[in-house]
Amino acid sequence: MSRLGQLGGRLYRGEVSYDFVGRKRRWYAISGAILLISVVALFTRGLDFSVDFKGGAVFQFTASSATQTQVQNTVSQTGVNGAVVQQLTGKLGNRSWEVQTPALTSNQTYTVENALNSKLDAKNMSTSFVGASWGGQITTKAIQALITFLIVIVLYLSIAFEWKMAVAAFVALIHDLVIATGVYALTGFQVSPATVIGLLTILGYSLYDTVVVFDKVRENTAGLLGGARSTYSEAANLALNQTLVRSINTSIIALLPVAAILFVGGGLLGAGELKDLALVLFVGMLSGTYSSIFIATPVLADLKEREPQYQALAKRVSVRAAGGRAAKRAPAKASAGGRAATAPLTDGRADDGADDADQDTDYDDAVPPSDALTTTSRVPAARGTPGATRPGPRQQPRRSGGSARHRPTGKKKRR
């Protein structure tokens, strides 16, 4: 955990960064494949709605020694087709069952009850009926609640942030909705009122994670157009890295109890409203975390980079980066040229400009003698060794001026 905390600090400070926004094509491809599978499953397999939506009869009873296959065969032998059998509790010696059937007449209901009692020794039998009109009302209310939720969310984000952030969040929400319903179509789980409640819950959870990231994006992009340090995509990617550990920690903490309900509780207690709720929460939280990181922010960066001011900013950043690379290459070239120029002086060969060191050079009086360079030059060698050179001190500069007295050259004149 300490390493995870250190990683979070390094991500927040920008010392470590993963280019989520720059790899957006990869995430779009992955999401596109998942969405395609979900849509195909919805059109081919469809959703298995519970009796609350389509109406029918519900039989609940206890049969300790019965199996799901025995219950299914017993109901089918009465001439009732399309029955759905679920085991509500899995405790040994106290197994509870629920059988959902289409709408039945009074005689059909009596026949099913007698068959379950005689063949499976069913106890604590209870029968309830749900009309098709009531199931239709539930469906209508669920759709209305979903549409209202999406409209309110878009309006809120448009006012609190901006409309492009609202569009990106809306895309992420639709992404989560399609994936969650696609999982139900693939697994064959029933869609019950608890599923609708869980679906609205995961939309709020996914939106919370997205809003946290967008708030950090807004903070990082404030005043971005006034300089040329980073593009909008780079600033958004930094915000995503800064909130990454927080999103992961929040998701893990939320998924632990949901996973316990889904896998442990479902295995011990069997199917039921609690398991339906846990399944949609588990799938929705996973897809919501994924969409807030890999979908919402890249979509927002795509929308913002289309604006002219951010396109101009990207050009300025590119020009500055190119100038920085050129400045880094210039010292390397200069140092290489300096080494090439000084090489002939150190290999023992004669220098063409060796005699230049013997020439007198006049300096202004403002230059003190202490500023003279103490470098090594070449002076002619002693007589008898023509062409040879030997190191010697550089000749000191001679001052010139109106009041300076010049020493005459040649021999002194005798008086």
Protein backbone atom coordinates (compact mmCIF):
# COMPACT_ATOMS: atom_id res chain seq x y z
CA MET A 1 0.00 0.00 0.00
CA SER A 2 2.90 2.34 0.66
CA ARG A 3 4.14 1.77 -2.87
CA LEU A 4 0.70 2.58 -4.22
CA GLY A 5 0.72 5.79 -2.19
CA GLN A 6 4.13 6.71 -3.54
CA LEU A 7 2.92 5.99 -7.06
CA GLY A 8 -0.07 8.24 -6.49
CA GLY A 9 2.19 11.07 -5.36
CA ARG A 10 4.47 10.67 -8.36
CA LEU A 11 1.48 10.62 -10.70
CA TYR A 12 0.09 13.76 -9.10
CA ARG A 13 3.39 15.62 -9.42
CA GLY A 14 3.79 14.52 -13.03
CA GLU A 15 6.95 12.51 -12.37
CA VAL A 16 5.26 9.42 -13.82
CA SER A 17 2.63 9.64 -16.51
CA TYR A 18 0.78 7.27 -18.80
CA ASP A 19 -0.51 8.64 -22.06
CA PHE A 20 -4.19 7.70 -21.83
CA VAL A 21 -5.36 10.46 -24.17
CA GLY A 22 -2.62 9.82 -26.73
CA ARG A 23 -3.68 6.15 -27.00
CA LYS A 24 -7.35 6.98 -27.46
CA ARG A 25 -7.65 4.99 -30.70
CA ARG A 26 -6.78 1.82 -28.80
CA TRP A 27 -9.45 2.47 -26.16
CA TYR A 28 -12.01 3.34 -28.81
CA ALA A 29 -11.29 0.06 -30.57
CA ILE A 30 -11.66 -1.96 -27.36
CA SER A 31 -14.90 -0.21 -26.43
CA GLY A 32 -16.21 -0.58 -29.96
CA ALA A 33 -15.65 -4.34 -29.85
CA ILE A 34 -17.40 -4.66 -26.47
CA LEU A 35 -20.32 -2.51 -27.62
CA LEU A 36 -20.67 -4.53 -30.81
CA ILE A 37 -20.88 -7.79 -28.84
CA SER A 38 -23.44 -6.24 -26.49
CA VAL A 39 -25.63 -4.94 -29.31
CA VAL A 40 -25.52 -8.27 -31.15
CA ALA A 41 -26.50 -10.10 -27.96
CA LEU A 42 -29.40 -7.69 -27.39
CA PHE A 43 -30.79 -8.26 -30.89
CA THR A 44 -30.19 -12.01 -31.02
CA ARG A 45 -30.83 -13.22 -27.46
CA GLY A 46 -32.80 -10.32 -26.06
CA LEU A 47 -33.51 -9.57 -22.41
CA ASP A 48 -35.31 -11.93 -20.08
CA PHE A 49 -37.79 -9.69 -18.25
CA SER A 50 -39.19 -10.85 -14.96
CA VAL A 51 -42.85 -11.36 -14.27
CA ASP A 52 -43.05 -7.84 -12.87
CA PHE A 53 -42.67 -6.49 -16.41
CA LYS A 54 -44.59 -8.98 -18.51
CA GLY A 55 -47.17 -10.22 -15.99
CA GLY A 56 -47.90 -13.78 -14.86
CA ALA A 57 -48.01 -16.02 -11.80
CA VAL A 58 -45.34 -16.56 -9.14
CA PHE A 59 -45.14 -19.74 -7.02
CA GLN A 60 -42.87 -19.74 -3.98
CA PHE A 61 -42.41 -22.86 -1.88
CA THR A 62 -39.91 -24.97 0.05
CA ALA A 63 -38.71 -28.35 -1.20
CA SER A 64 -35.65 -29.60 0.64
CA SER A 65 -34.71 -32.55 -1.58
CA ALA A 66 -35.75 -31.13 -4.97
CA THR A 67 -33.43 -30.02 -7.73
CA GLN A 68 -33.91 -27.34 -10.35
CA THR A 69 -34.38 -29.93 -13.08
CA GLN A 70 -37.09 -31.73 -11.06
CA VAL A 71 -38.98 -28.49 -10.43
CA GLN A 72 -38.75 -27.54 -14.12
CA ASN A 73 -40.01 -30.94 -15.28
CA THR A 74 -42.87 -30.95 -12.78
CA VAL A 75 -44.20 -27.62 -14.02
CA SER A 76 -43.76 -28.61 -17.68
CA GLN A 77 -45.78 -31.81 -17.17
CA THR A 78 -48.80 -29.70 -16.21
CA GLY A 79 -48.85 -28.18 -19.69
CA VAL A 80 -47.43 -24.79 -18.66
CA ASN A 81 -44.63 -23.66 -20.95
CA GLY A 82 -42.09 -20.89 -20.49
CA ALA A 83 -41.73 -21.28 -16.72
CA VAL A 84 -38.63 -19.78 -15.08
CA VAL A 85 -37.31 -21.64 -12.02
CA GLN A 86 -34.96 -19.96 -9.56
CA GLN A 87 -33.47 -21.26 -6.34
CA LEU A 88 -33.90 -18.59 -3.70
CA THR A 89 -31.92 -20.18 -0.86
CA GLY A 90 -29.25 -22.86 -1.10
CA LYS A 91 -29.02 -23.96 2.51
CA LEU A 92 -29.03 -27.74 2.81
CA GLY A 93 -32.33 -29.10 4.08
CA ASN A 94 -34.12 -25.78 3.53
CA ARG A 95 -34.15 -25.02 -0.19
CA SER A 96 -36.65 -22.41 -1.30
CA TRP A 97 -37.82 -22.12 -4.90
CA GLU A 98 -39.57 -19.58 -7.06
CA VAL A 99 -41.41 -20.47 -10.26
CA GLN A 100 -42.53 -17.73 -12.63
CA THR A 101 -45.04 -18.60 -15.30
CA PRO A 102 -47.06 -16.65 -17.86
CA ALA A 103 -50.58 -15.57 -16.99
CA LEU A 104 -52.60 -18.62 -15.88
CA THR A 105 -56.24 -19.37 -15.40
CA SER A 106 -57.61 -20.55 -12.08
CA ASN A 107 -57.64 -24.18 -13.21
CA GLN A 108 -54.04 -24.01 -14.44
CA THR A 109 -52.94 -22.44 -11.17
CA TYR A 110 -54.63 -25.20 -9.15
CA THR A 111 -53.02 -27.89 -11.36
CA VAL A 112 -49.52 -26.50 -10.87
CA GLU A 113 -49.95 -26.25 -7.10
CA ASN A 114 -51.16 -29.84 -6.83
CA ALA A 115 -48.28 -31.15 -8.98
CA LEU A 116 -45.68 -29.39 -6.85
CA ASN A 117 -47.23 -30.63 -3.63
CA SER A 118 -47.62 -34.25 -4.72
CA LYS A 119 -44.35 -34.80 -6.61
CA LEU A 120 -41.91 -32.57 -4.71
CA ASP A 121 -43.55 -32.48 -1.30
CA ALA A 122 -43.69 -28.69 -1.50
CA LYS A 123 -44.39 -26.81 1.70
CA ASN A 124 -45.22 -23.22 2.58
CA MET A 125 -46.74 -22.67 -0.88
CA SER A 126 -47.63 -19.08 -1.76
CA THR A 127 -48.99 -17.90 -5.10
CA SER A 128 -49.18 -14.33 -6.40
CA PHE A 129 -50.35 -12.84 -9.65
CA VAL A 130 -49.01 -9.85 -11.55
CA GLY A 131 -51.10 -8.30 -14.28
CA ALA A 132 -49.59 -7.37 -17.61
CA SER A 133 -50.83 -3.81 -17.26
CA TRP A 134 -48.92 -3.37 -14.00
CA GLY A 135 -45.74 -4.71 -15.63
CA GLY A 136 -46.23 -2.27 -18.50
CA GLN A 137 -46.53 0.59 -16.04
CA ILE A 138 -43.25 -0.41 -14.41
CA THR A 139 -41.54 -0.48 -17.81
CA THR A 140 -42.88 2.96 -18.69
CA LYS A 141 -41.82 4.44 -15.35
CA ALA A 142 -38.35 2.94 -15.65
CA ILE A 143 -37.84 4.45 -19.11
CA GLN A 144 -39.13 7.82 -17.94
CA ALA A 145 -36.79 7.79 -14.95
CA LEU A 146 -33.83 6.96 -17.16
CA ILE A 147 -34.58 9.71 -19.68
CA THR A 148 -35.16 12.26 -16.91
CA PHE A 149 -31.87 11.29 -15.27
CA LEU A 150 -29.91 11.75 -18.49
CA ILE A 151 -31.51 15.13 -19.24
CA VAL A 152 -30.84 16.47 -15.75
CA ILE A 153 -27.25 15.28 -15.90
CA VAL A 154 -26.58 16.96 -19.24
CA LEU A 155 -28.10 20.23 -18.02
CA TYR A 156 -26.14 20.19 -14.79
CA LEU A 157 -22.80 19.50 -16.46
CA SER A 158 -23.48 22.17 -19.10
CA ILE A 159 -24.08 24.75 -16.38
CA ALA A 160 -21.40 23.65 -13.92
CA PHE A 161 -18.70 22.96 -16.53
CA GLU A 162 -19.41 23.35 -20.25
CA TRP A 163 -21.49 21.61 -22.88
CA LYS A 164 -18.56 19.68 -24.32
CA MET A 165 -17.89 18.10 -20.96
CA ALA A 166 -21.60 17.26 -20.76
CA VAL A 167 -21.41 15.57 -24.17
CA ALA A 168 -18.35 13.54 -23.14
CA ALA A 169 -20.04 12.44 -19.90
CA PHE A 170 -23.21 11.53 -21.82
CA VAL A 171 -21.19 9.36 -24.22
CA ALA A 172 -19.61 7.58 -21.23
CA LEU A 173 -23.05 6.98 -19.65
CA ILE A 174 -24.49 5.51 -22.84
CA HIS A 175 -21.37 3.35 -23.06
CA ASP A 176 -22.03 1.98 -19.56
CA LEU A 177 -25.73 1.42 -20.25
CA VAL A 178 -25.14 -0.62 -23.39
CA ILE A 179 -22.45 -2.76 -21.78
CA ALA A 180 -24.53 -3.48 -18.67
CA THR A 181 -27.60 -4.50 -20.69
CA GLY A 182 -25.42 -6.53 -23.03
CA VAL A 183 -24.05 -8.52 -20.09
CA TYR A 184 -27.64 -9.32 -19.03
CA ALA A 185 -28.42 -10.49 -22.54
CA LEU A 186 -25.31 -12.69 -22.66
CA THR A 187 -25.74 -14.26 -19.22
CA GLY A 188 -29.51 -14.68 -19.38
CA PHE A 189 -30.15 -13.01 -16.03
CA GLN A 190 -33.65 -11.69 -15.54
CA VAL A 191 -34.31 -7.98 -15.67
CA SER A 192 -36.28 -7.14 -12.56
CA PRO A 193 -37.20 -3.86 -10.84
CA ALA A 194 -34.06 -4.31 -8.76
CA THR A 195 -32.06 -4.31 -12.00
CA VAL A 196 -33.53 -0.94 -12.96
CA ILE A 197 -32.64 0.47 -9.54
CA GLY A 198 -29.10 -0.84 -9.86
CA LEU A 199 -28.81 0.59 -13.36
CA LEU A 200 -29.70 4.08 -12.18
CA THR A 201 -27.26 3.64 -9.30
CA ILE A 202 -24.30 2.79 -11.51
CA LEU A 203 -25.05 5.77 -13.75
CA GLY A 204 -24.69 8.03 -10.75
CA TYR A 205 -21.52 6.25 -9.67
CA SER A 206 -19.98 6.49 -13.13
CA LEU A 207 -20.92 10.16 -13.34
CA TYR A 208 -19.30 10.86 -9.97
CA ASP A 209 -15.99 9.44 -11.15
CA THR A 210 -16.19 11.40 -14.42
CA VAL A 211 -16.97 14.68 -12.65
CA VAL A 212 -13.92 14.26 -10.40
CA VAL A 213 -11.67 13.90 -13.46
CA PHE A 214 -13.34 16.80 -15.30
CA ASP A 215 -12.92 19.10 -12.32
CA LYS A 216 -9.19 18.42 -12.34
CA VAL A 217 -9.09 18.93 -16.11
CA ARG A 218 -10.72 22.34 -15.70
CA GLU A 219 -8.17 23.26 -13.05
CA ASN A 220 -5.20 22.21 -15.21
CA THR A 221 -6.46 23.96 -18.34
CA ALA A 222 -7.18 27.32 -16.67
CA GLY A 223 -5.00 29.93 -18.39
CA LEU A 224 -3.62 27.37 -20.80
CA LEU A 225 -4.11 29.59 -23.86
CA GLY A 226 -1.86 32.29 -22.41
CA GLY A 227 1.30 30.22 -22.88
CA ALA A 228 2.81 27.48 -24.99
CA ARG A 229 3.84 24.89 -22.45
CA SER A 230 1.33 22.10 -23.20
CA THR A 231 -1.66 21.31 -25.37
CA TYR A 232 -5.17 20.68 -24.08
CA SER A 233 -4.74 16.95 -24.53
CA GLU A 234 -1.51 16.96 -22.51
CA ALA A 235 -3.12 18.97 -19.70
CA ALA A 236 -6.15 16.66 -19.68
CA ASN A 237 -3.91 13.60 -19.61
CA LEU A 238 -2.04 15.05 -16.63
CA ALA A 239 -5.34 15.55 -14.80
CA LEU A 240 -6.30 11.98 -15.58
CA ASN A 241 -3.02 10.68 -14.13
CA GLN A 242 -3.41 12.87 -11.04
CA THR A 243 -6.84 11.37 -10.25
CA LEU A 244 -6.03 7.82 -11.39
CA VAL A 245 -5.13 6.34 -8.01
CA ARG A 246 -8.16 7.97 -6.42
CA SER A 247 -10.46 6.45 -9.03
CA ILE A 248 -8.91 3.00 -8.65
CA ASN A 249 -9.10 3.09 -4.84
CA THR A 250 -12.72 4.24 -4.89
CA SER A 251 -13.68 1.52 -7.37
CA ILE A 252 -11.96 -1.25 -5.42
CA ILE A 253 -13.56 -0.22 -2.13
CA ALA A 254 -16.99 -0.11 -3.78
CA LEU A 255 -16.57 -3.40 -5.64
CA LEU A 256 -15.54 -5.47 -2.61
CA PRO A 257 -18.95 -5.57 -0.88
CA VAL A 258 -20.79 -5.87 -4.20
CA ALA A 259 -18.61 -8.83 -5.19
CA ALA A 260 -19.28 -10.43 -1.81
CA ILE A 261 -23.04 -10.13 -2.36
CA LEU A 262 -22.82 -11.40 -5.94
CA PHE A 263 -20.50 -14.39 -5.54
CA VAL A 264 -20.68 -15.38 -1.87
CA GLY A 265 -24.26 -14.37 -1.18
CA GLY A 266 -25.49 -15.64 -4.53
CA GLY A 267 -23.81 -18.99 -4.01
CA LEU A 268 -25.21 -19.46 -0.52
CA LEU A 269 -28.59 -17.81 -0.85
CA GLY A 270 -29.30 -18.47 -4.49
CA ALA A 271 -30.94 -16.16 -7.01
CA GLY A 272 -33.22 -13.36 -6.01
CA GLU A 273 -33.66 -9.60 -5.97
CA LEU A 274 -30.40 -9.14 -4.07
CA LYS A 275 -28.41 -11.05 -6.67
CA ASP A 276 -30.02 -9.13 -9.53
CA LEU A 277 -29.05 -5.87 -7.85
CA ALA A 278 -25.49 -7.06 -7.16
CA LEU A 279 -24.91 -8.16 -10.74
CA VAL A 280 -25.86 -4.87 -12.33
CA LEU A 281 -23.86 -2.96 -9.72
CA PHE A 282 -20.75 -5.08 -10.28
CA VAL A 283 -20.87 -4.78 -14.07
CA GLY A 284 -21.80 -1.10 -13.97
CA MET A 285 -19.03 -0.11 -11.57
CA LEU A 286 -16.42 -1.84 -13.68
CA SER A 287 -17.64 -0.26 -16.92
CA GLY A 288 -18.10 3.11 -15.18
CA THR A 289 -14.51 3.17 -13.96
CA TYR A 290 -13.28 2.15 -17.40
CA SER A 291 -15.36 4.77 -19.21
CA SER A 292 -14.37 7.64 -16.92
CA ILE A 293 -10.68 6.93 -17.58
CA PHE A 294 -10.54 5.63 -21.15
CA ILE A 295 -13.62 7.17 -22.79
CA ALA A 296 -14.85 10.40 -21.18
CA THR A 297 -11.55 12.30 -21.03
CA PRO A 298 -10.30 11.28 -24.51
CA VAL A 299 -13.67 12.27 -26.01
CA LEU A 300 -13.45 15.63 -24.24
CA ALA A 301 -9.92 16.18 -25.54
CA ASP A 302 -11.09 15.35 -29.06
CA LEU A 303 -13.88 17.93 -28.86
CA LYS A 304 -11.66 20.65 -27.41
CA GLU A 305 -8.79 20.13 -29.85
CA ARG A 306 -11.18 21.00 -32.69
CA GLU A 307 -11.49 24.58 -31.44
CA PRO A 308 -9.35 27.12 -33.37
CA GLN A 309 -7.68 28.54 -30.26
CA TYR A 310 -6.53 25.12 -29.11
CA GLN A 311 -5.35 24.24 -32.60
CA ALA A 312 -3.23 27.42 -32.54
CA LEU A 313 -1.98 26.45 -29.08
CA ALA A 314 -0.93 23.04 -30.38
CA LYS A 315 1.08 24.73 -33.15
CA ARG A 316 2.84 27.00 -30.66
CA VAL A 317 3.69 24.08 -28.43
CA SER A 318 5.04 22.18 -31.43
CA VAL A 319 7.20 25.15 -32.52
CA ARG A 320 8.55 25.57 -29.00
CA ALA A 321 9.34 21.89 -28.74
CA ALA A 322 11.15 21.98 -32.08
CA GLY A 323 13.19 25.00 -30.94
CA GLY A 324 14.12 23.25 -27.73
CA ARG A 325 15.37 20.22 -29.63
CA ALA A 326 17.41 22.46 -31.94
CA ALA A 327 18.91 24.28 -28.95
CA LYS A 328 19.93 20.97 -27.44
CA ARG A 329 21.60 19.89 -30.66
CA ALA A 330 23.54 23.17 -31.08
CA PRO A 331 25.88 22.76 -28.07
CA ALA A 332 26.67 19.24 -29.17
CA LYS A 333 27.69 20.48 -32.61
CA ALA A 334 29.71 23.34 -31.10
CA SER A 335 31.58 21.04 -28.76
CA ALA A 336 32.33 18.67 -31.63
CA GLY A 337 33.65 21.58 -33.72
CA GLY A 338 35.80 22.80 -30.83
CA ARG A 339 37.39 19.41 -30.44
CA ALA A 340 38.13 19.31 -34.18
CA ALA A 341 39.75 22.79 -34.08
CA THR A 342 42.02 22.06 -31.15
CA ALA A 343 43.12 18.66 -32.34
CA PRO A 344 46.03 19.94 -34.57
CA LEU A 345 47.48 21.80 -31.61
CA THR A 346 47.92 18.70 -29.54
CA ASP A 347 49.30 16.24 -32.05
CA GLY A 348 52.79 17.81 -32.30
CA ARG A 349 52.35 19.18 -35.81
CA ALA A 350 53.15 22.81 -36.79
CA ASP A 351 50.30 25.30 -36.75
CA ASP A 352 49.83 27.60 -39.71
CA GLY A 353 49.04 30.52 -37.44
CA ALA A 354 51.87 30.03 -34.99
CA ASP A 355 53.58 33.28 -35.97
CA ASP A 356 50.48 35.26 -35.10
CA ALA A 357 51.33 34.96 -31.45
CA ASP A 358 54.56 36.96 -32.03
CA GLN A 359 52.77 39.98 -33.44
CA ASP A 360 52.17 43.01 -31.23
CA THR A 361 48.57 43.71 -30.34
CA ASP A 362 47.40 47.03 -28.98
CA TYR A 363 44.75 47.02 -26.22
CA ASP A 364 42.81 49.92 -24.84
CA ASP A 365 43.86 51.33 -21.49
CA ALA A 366 40.53 50.27 -19.99
CA VAL A 367 41.58 46.64 -20.17
CA PRO A 368 43.77 45.81 -17.17
CA PRO A 369 46.73 43.51 -17.55
CA SER A 370 45.15 41.04 -15.16
CA ASP A 371 42.48 40.28 -17.75
CA ALA A 372 45.02 38.80 -20.14
CA LEU A 373 44.50 35.14 -20.92
CA THR A 374 47.14 32.75 -19.65
CA THR A 375 46.96 30.31 -22.49
CA THR A 376 49.67 28.31 -24.18
CA SER A 377 50.94 29.48 -27.58
CA ARG A 378 53.71 28.47 -29.92
CA VAL A 379 56.92 30.54 -30.28
CA PRO A 380 59.89 29.90 -32.58
CA ALA A 381 62.46 27.47 -31.22
CA ALA A 382 66.10 28.29 -30.78
CA ARG A 383 68.36 28.69 -33.76
CA GLY A 384 69.63 25.53 -35.22
CA THR A 385 66.29 23.78 -35.15
CA PRO A 386 64.41 25.32 -38.07
CA GLY A 387 60.75 24.53 -38.35
CA ALA A 388 60.54 23.27 -34.79
CA THR A 389 58.28 24.86 -32.25
CA ARG A 390 58.31 24.93 -28.51
CA PRO A 391 55.75 26.05 -26.00
CA GLY A 392 56.22 29.40 -24.37
CA PRO A 393 54.28 32.13 -22.60
CA ARG A 394 51.95 34.26 -24.64
CA GLN A 395 53.33 37.72 -25.33
CA GLN A 396 51.70 40.31 -23.04
CA PRO A 397 49.77 43.03 -24.81
CA ARG A 398 51.37 46.41 -25.13
CA ARG A 399 49.48 49.48 -24.10
CA SER A 400 49.22 52.39 -26.47
CA GLY A 401 48.33 55.96 -25.75
CA GLY A 402 49.25 59.53 -26.37
CA SER A 403 51.43 59.80 -23.30
CA ALA A 404 53.02 56.40 -23.67
CA ARG A 405 56.70 56.41 -24.53
CA HIS A 406 57.81 53.92 -27.14
CA ARG A 407 61.17 52.28 -26.80
CA PRO A 408 63.15 52.72 -30.01
CA THR A 409 64.13 49.59 -31.77
CA GLY A 410 67.70 48.73 -32.73
CA LYS A 411 70.91 49.63 -30.97
CA LYS A 412 71.25 52.63 -28.66
CA LYS A 413 72.85 55.64 -30.20
CA ARG A 414 76.18 56.50 -28.62
CA ARG A 415 76.70 60.01 -27.48
